[in-house]
């Protein structure tokens, strides 16, 4: 009887292991602006700004913005942004082909709501800044 219990418990563990190994691996979706690499696109953009990774920020911009500026100009404009404040995602709405992400930001000890316009291009979320030439990212 003891041997039967051991055989059953071993068989049960084998079944569990095979079920776990058959699950699909987590695929990191870049087309969802709410969940990109474990965060949202606005906070990811903010983290790159705070760490000085402007080349990664350029990757998150939409094609229209990239066409209007050279890579060198984009790097310069992104370095001059005033974007180093705390922000949390507070909501999202759809506006045609765009998604508008609402952020609660703390700027100079004042709570402010900002809106970030995002577009899905080639299955990836991209930020559409309002006027990057003037240093304005939010709508």
C-alpha atoms as a PDB file:
ATOM      1  CA  UNK A   1       0.000   0.000   0.000  1.00  0.00           C
ATOM      2  CA  UNK A   2       2.906   2.315   0.831  1.00  0.00           C
ATOM      3  CA  UNK A   3       4.406   1.634  -2.625  1.00  0.00           C
ATOM      4  CA  UNK A   4       1.113   2.525  -4.354  1.00  0.00           C
ATOM      5  CA  UNK A   5       1.012   5.905  -2.563  1.00  0.00           C
ATOM      6  CA  UNK A   6       4.597   6.651  -3.597  1.00  0.00           C
ATOM      7  CA  UNK A   7       3.863   5.711  -7.216  1.00  0.00           C
ATOM      8  CA  UNK A   8       0.705   7.859  -7.236  1.00  0.00           C
ATOM      9  CA  UNK A   9       2.497  10.876  -5.738  1.00  0.00           C
ATOM     10  CA  UNK A  10       5.313  10.542  -8.269  1.00  0.00           C
ATOM     11  CA  UNK A  11       2.814  10.308 -11.115  1.00  0.00           C
ATOM     12  CA  UNK A  12       0.981  13.362  -9.816  1.00  0.00           C
ATOM     13  CA  UNK A  13       4.176  15.418  -9.735  1.00  0.00           C
ATOM     14  CA  UNK A  14       5.022  14.367 -13.279  1.00  0.00           C
ATOM     15  CA  UNK A  15       1.605  15.501 -14.503  1.00  0.00           C
ATOM     16  CA  UNK A  16       1.989  18.873 -12.795  1.00  0.00           C
ATOM     17  CA  UNK A  17       5.422  19.388 -14.316  1.00  0.00           C
ATOM     18  CA  UNK A  18       4.166  18.523 -17.794  1.00  0.00           C
ATOM     19  CA  UNK A  19       1.239  20.966 -17.444  1.00  0.00           C
ATOM     20  CA  UNK A  20       3.596  23.773 -16.402  1.00  0.00           C
ATOM     21  CA  UNK A  21       6.000  23.107 -19.256  1.00  0.00           C
ATOM     22  CA  UNK A  22       3.145  23.132 -21.791  1.00  0.00           C
ATOM     23  CA  UNK A  23       2.015  26.678 -20.935  1.00  0.00           C
ATOM     24  CA  UNK A  24       2.901  29.341 -23.488  1.00  0.00           C
ATOM     25  CA  UNK A  25       5.687  31.743 -22.490  1.00  0.00           C
ATOM     26  CA  UNK A  26       4.761  35.349 -21.694  1.00  0.00           C
ATOM     27  CA  UNK A  27       5.025  37.484 -24.824  1.00  0.00           C
ATOM     28  CA  UNK A  28       5.875  41.139 -24.227  1.00  0.00           C
ATOM     29  CA  UNK A  29       3.253  43.077 -26.208  1.00  0.00           C
ATOM     30  CA  UNK A  30       4.371  46.465 -27.482  1.00  0.00           C
ATOM     31  CA  UNK A  31       0.962  47.276 -28.968  1.00  0.00           C
ATOM     32  CA  UNK A  32      -0.759  47.869 -25.625  1.00  0.00           C
ATOM     33  CA  UNK A  33       0.229  51.328 -24.307  1.00  0.00           C
ATOM     34  CA  UNK A  34      -1.023  50.355 -20.844  1.00  0.00           C
ATOM     35  CA  UNK A  35       1.206  47.316 -20.496  1.00  0.00           C
ATOM     36  CA  UNK A  36       4.524  47.725 -22.282  1.00  0.00           C
ATOM     37  CA  UNK A  37       7.421  45.831 -20.733  1.00  0.00           C
ATOM     38  CA  UNK A  38       5.557  45.664 -17.431  1.00  0.00           C
ATOM     39  CA  UNK A  39       4.686  49.368 -17.317  1.00  0.00           C
ATOM     40  CA  UNK A  40       2.874  51.910 -19.483  1.00  0.00           C
ATOM     41  CA  UNK A  41       4.357  53.899 -22.349  1.00  0.00           C
ATOM     42  CA  UNK A  42       4.273  57.285 -20.572  1.00  0.00           C
ATOM     43  CA  UNK A  43       6.108  56.027 -17.491  1.00  0.00           C
ATOM     44  CA  UNK A  44       8.565  54.115 -19.679  1.00  0.00           C
ATOM     45  CA  UNK A  45       9.235  57.313 -21.661  1.00  0.00           C
ATOM     46  CA  UNK A  46       9.652  59.176 -18.349  1.00  0.00           C
ATOM     47  CA  UNK A  47      12.100  56.561 -17.019  1.00  0.00           C
ATOM     48  CA  UNK A  48      14.208  56.833 -20.168  1.00  0.00           C
ATOM     49  CA  UNK A  49      14.200  60.640 -19.794  1.00  0.00           C
ATOM     50  CA  UNK A  50      15.321  60.456 -16.163  1.00  0.00           C
ATOM     51  CA  UNK A  51      18.175  58.103 -17.011  1.00  0.00           C
ATOM     52  CA  UNK A  52      19.288  60.081 -20.088  1.00  0.00           C
ATOM     53  CA  UNK A  53      18.445  57.344 -22.610  1.00  0.00           C
ATOM     54  CA  UNK A  54      17.198  59.657 -25.359  1.00  0.00           C
ATOM     55  CA  UNK A  55      17.930  57.104 -28.102  1.00  0.00           C
ATOM     56  CA  UNK A  56      15.340  54.805 -26.491  1.00  0.00           C
ATOM     57  CA  UNK A  57      12.901  57.704 -26.235  1.00  0.00           C
ATOM     58  CA  UNK A  58      13.221  58.262 -29.996  1.00  0.00           C
ATOM     59  CA  UNK A  59      12.136  54.643 -30.557  1.00  0.00           C
ATOM     60  CA  UNK A  60       8.846  55.388 -28.757  1.00  0.00           C
ATOM     61  CA  UNK A  61       7.926  58.377 -30.957  1.00  0.00           C
ATOM     62  CA  UNK A  62       5.490  58.114 -33.864  1.00  0.00           C
ATOM     63  CA  UNK A  63       6.612  58.031 -37.506  1.00  0.00           C
ATOM     64  CA  UNK A  64       5.286  61.536 -38.290  1.00  0.00           C
ATOM     65  CA  UNK A  65       7.456  63.090 -35.570  1.00  0.00           C
ATOM     66  CA  UNK A  66      10.495  61.116 -36.729  1.00  0.00           C
ATOM     67  CA  UNK A  67       9.969  62.370 -40.309  1.00  0.00           C
ATOM     68  CA  UNK A  68       9.913  66.011 -39.203  1.00  0.00           C
ATOM     69  CA  UNK A  69      13.266  65.883 -37.379  1.00  0.00           C
ATOM     70  CA  UNK A  70      16.664  64.230 -37.791  1.00  0.00           C
ATOM     71  CA  UNK A  71      17.889  61.818 -35.126  1.00  0.00           C
ATOM     72  CA  UNK A  72      20.345  64.437 -33.845  1.00  0.00           C
ATOM     73  CA  UNK A  73      17.573  67.048 -33.555  1.00  0.00           C
ATOM     74  CA  UNK A  74      15.316  64.578 -31.760  1.00  0.00           C
ATOM     75  CA  UNK A  75      18.049  63.758 -29.245  1.00  0.00           C
ATOM     76  CA  UNK A  76      18.628  67.464 -28.572  1.00  0.00           C
ATOM     77  CA  UNK A  77      14.904  68.204 -28.203  1.00  0.00           C
ATOM     78  CA  UNK A  78      14.331  65.251 -25.902  1.00  0.00           C
ATOM     79  CA  UNK A  79      17.240  66.223 -23.647  1.00  0.00           C
ATOM     80  CA  UNK A  80      15.757  69.708 -23.206  1.00  0.00           C
ATOM     81  CA  UNK A  81      12.272  68.510 -22.160  1.00  0.00           C
ATOM     82  CA  UNK A  82      10.895  69.344 -18.731  1.00  0.00           C
ATOM     83  CA  UNK A  83       9.656  65.834 -18.092  1.00  0.00           C
ATOM     84  CA  UNK A  84      11.362  64.707 -14.871  1.00  0.00           C
ATOM     85  CA  UNK A  85       8.372  64.643 -12.539  1.00  0.00           C
ATOM     86  CA  UNK A  86       6.452  61.809 -10.903  1.00  0.00           C
ATOM     87  CA  UNK A  87       3.464  60.553 -12.844  1.00  0.00           C
ATOM     88  CA  UNK A  88       0.947  57.739 -12.552  1.00  0.00           C
ATOM     89  CA  UNK A  89      -1.502  56.454 -15.125  1.00  0.00           C
ATOM     90  CA  UNK A  90      -5.072  57.324 -14.145  1.00  0.00           C
ATOM     91  CA  UNK A  91      -7.074  56.279 -17.218  1.00  0.00           C
ATOM     92  CA  UNK A  92      -7.332  55.787 -20.957  1.00  0.00           C
ATOM     93  CA  UNK A  93      -9.877  56.599 -23.633  1.00  0.00           C
ATOM     94  CA  UNK A  94      -9.975  55.929 -27.362  1.00  0.00           C
ATOM     95  CA  UNK A  95     -10.222  58.777 -29.840  1.00  0.00           C
ATOM     96  CA  UNK A  96     -10.435  57.354 -33.361  1.00  0.00           C
ATOM     97  CA  UNK A  97      -7.065  55.823 -34.241  1.00  0.00           C
ATOM     98  CA  UNK A  98      -5.499  57.278 -31.105  1.00  0.00           C
ATOM     99  CA  UNK A  99      -5.530  56.380 -27.444  1.00  0.00           C
ATOM    100  CA  UNK A 100      -5.451  59.214 -24.927  1.00  0.00           C
ATOM    101  CA  UNK A 101      -3.687  58.259 -21.706  1.00  0.00           C
ATOM    102  CA  UNK A 102      -4.472  60.377 -18.634  1.00  0.00           C
ATOM    103  CA  UNK A 103      -1.691  60.845 -16.104  1.00  0.00           C
ATOM    104  CA  UNK A 104      -1.777  62.340 -12.634  1.00  0.00           C
ATOM    105  CA  UNK A 105       1.474  64.279 -12.302  1.00  0.00           C
ATOM    106  CA  UNK A 106       3.038  66.003  -9.318  1.00  0.00           C
ATOM    107  CA  UNK A 107       4.705  69.184 -10.604  1.00  0.00           C
ATOM    108  CA  UNK A 108       6.121  71.625  -8.035  1.00  0.00           C
ATOM    109  CA  UNK A 109       3.999  70.024  -5.274  1.00  0.00           C
ATOM    110  CA  UNK A 110       0.839  70.494  -7.343  1.00  0.00           C
ATOM    111  CA  UNK A 111      -1.306  67.641  -8.650  1.00  0.00           C
ATOM    112  CA  UNK A 112      -1.954  68.083 -12.371  1.00  0.00           C
ATOM    113  CA  UNK A 113      -3.765  65.909 -14.924  1.00  0.00           C
ATOM    114  CA  UNK A 114      -1.921  65.565 -18.249  1.00  0.00           C
ATOM    115  CA  UNK A 115      -3.009  63.745 -21.409  1.00  0.00           C
ATOM    116  CA  UNK A 116      -0.645  61.802 -23.658  1.00  0.00           C
ATOM    117  CA  UNK A 117      -1.699  60.963 -27.220  1.00  0.00           C
ATOM    118  CA  UNK A 118      -0.623  57.496 -28.378  1.00  0.00           C
ATOM    119  CA  UNK A 119      -1.005  55.758 -31.735  1.00  0.00           C
ATOM    120  CA  UNK A 120      -0.541  52.087 -32.638  1.00  0.00           C
ATOM    121  CA  UNK A 121       1.902  51.766 -35.567  1.00  0.00           C
ATOM    122  CA  UNK A 122       3.083  48.371 -36.849  1.00  0.00           C
ATOM    123  CA  UNK A 123       1.774  46.632 -33.711  1.00  0.00           C
ATOM    124  CA  UNK A 124       3.687  48.989 -31.414  1.00  0.00           C
ATOM    125  CA  UNK A 125       2.450  51.892 -29.317  1.00  0.00           C
ATOM    126  CA  UNK A 126       4.030  55.219 -30.259  1.00  0.00           C
ATOM    127  CA  UNK A 127       3.811  58.618 -28.560  1.00  0.00           C
ATOM    128  CA  UNK A 128       2.447  61.509 -30.627  1.00  0.00           C
ATOM    129  CA  UNK A 129       3.844  64.640 -28.943  1.00  0.00           C
ATOM    130  CA  UNK A 130       1.791  67.817 -29.278  1.00  0.00           C
ATOM    131  CA  UNK A 131       4.714  70.021 -30.339  1.00  0.00           C
ATOM    132  CA  UNK A 132       8.126  68.524 -29.696  1.00  0.00           C
ATOM    133  CA  UNK A 133       9.849  71.542 -31.264  1.00  0.00           C
ATOM    134  CA  UNK A 134       8.498  73.669 -28.398  1.00  0.00           C
ATOM    135  CA  UNK A 135       9.141  70.959 -25.818  1.00  0.00           C
ATOM    136  CA  UNK A 136       5.470  70.002 -25.432  1.00  0.00           C
ATOM    137  CA  UNK A 137       4.762  66.282 -25.229  1.00  0.00           C
ATOM    138  CA  UNK A 138       1.359  66.273 -23.522  1.00  0.00           C
ATOM    139  CA  UNK A 139      -1.878  67.434 -25.177  1.00  0.00           C
END
